[in-house]
Amino acid sequence: MKTVRIFLFCLFFLGLVVSCSENKTAAKINGEKISVADLDKSLDQQMQKIQKDIYDLRRGGLENVINQKLLEDAAKGEGLSVDAYVKREVDDKVSGPTEAELKALYDARQLKDQAKFEEIKDQIYQFILQNRKNTQQQQLTSQLRNKAKVEIFLQPPRVKVDPGEAPVRGPEKASVTLIEFSDYECPFCGRARPTINQILETYPNDIRYYFVDFPLSFHRNAFLAHEAAHCAGDQGKYWELNRKLFENQRALGENDIKKYANDLQIDMNAFQQCLATHKYKSLIEQNIEKGQMSGVSGTPAFFINGIMLSGARPFQSFKEVIDEELKQ
C-alpha cells in the first residue's frame, strides 16, 4: 500500500512539474507573455517528427539487440561461437554468383559507361554475394524469432487525429482506426490503392477507414478533384468517383472529371452547381490544416490508431502495426 501511495505521489508531482513547465514564461513582448506551452504549440509538427525519429532509432536498435541475442542463444545451444554459428548457417549455405549472373547485373545496371566489365567484376561479385548473405541471415533470424518468445513493450508515439466529416468505410465499433491523408493527383497515393483494398479485405470487421483530403498545392487539378468527390458524395457516389479519379490520375481536368461523373450516372446539374459554388472548399481547407497539425507534410500519410506511417508502404508494414493493435 505504501508503494502505491509513493507511486501516486510521483505521478502527481510529475504532473505538477509538466504543468509548471508549460505555464513558465518563455519570453515577453511589450509585457505580453509567451508561455512554453504557446511555444510548444507552434512547434508541434516539428516535435512530433522528432519524437517519431527517436522512436524509429530506438526500434531499429532494439531489433538489432534482439537479433543478436537470438544468435548468441542459438550458438550457445550448439556449443559454438556466434561467428562460427553464423559461418555455418549463413556463409557456408550461400554460393557466389556465376560469370553469367555478374554480366547480367553489369548490363542491367548499364555500367559500361562507367567502367569495363573486367575492371569491376570483383566488386559486382562481392555486391551480389553480400546481398545473398544478408538475405540468408534475415531468414535465419526470422526462424529464430518464430521459435522464441519475443515480447516488445516499446510503444510508438501516437498522434490524436480528428478525421471530422471525412468519408468512412468499415464497422463503427472496429478496434482499429485507419486514417489516410491523400491526394488524387499524387502517384504514390495511386500506388497505395491496392494495399488499402487488401487491408479492408483482410480485416473486414476490424478496420474503420477514413479518407481525408490533403491536395498538395503543386498538383494543379487535385483540389478540384477533391471537391468533385464530395459533390458526388451528395448523391451517394463518393467512393465510386474516388475510384475513378485514382484510375485516371493523369486526366483530372474539369472536363475529364465531369465525364467520369456522367459515366457514373450522377445528376450533372446538381453536380456542376456543387462544383461552381465550391460547396466543399472550406471543408477541404480544414482537412489540410488538420493534416498539417498532425504532422502530415506529404502524401499519402496514414495513422493507425494514431501511429503514423508515411508513404506508399507495402501491405506487410500495415499488417505488423494492425496485428499489434488487435493484440492489445
Foldseek 3Di string as FASTA:
>chain_A
DVVVVVVVVVVVVVVVVVVCQQQDFPDADVNRTDGNVNVCLVCLLVVLVVLQVVLVVVVVVVVVVLLVVLLCVVQVVVVHHSVVSLCVQFVVVADWDDPVVLVVVCVVVVCVVPDDCVVCSVVSRVVVRVVRSVVSSVVVSVVSPVVDDDDDDRDGDFFDFDQDPFDKDADPPALKEKEKEAWLLDVQRLLLVVLVVVVCVVCVHHYIYGYAYAHDPPLVLGLLLVLLLVLVVVVPCNVVLSVVSSVPSVDRDPVVSLVSCVVVVHPSVSSVVSSVVVVCNVVNVVRNVSCVSLNDDDPTWMQINRRIDHTSDHNVVVVVVSVVSVVD
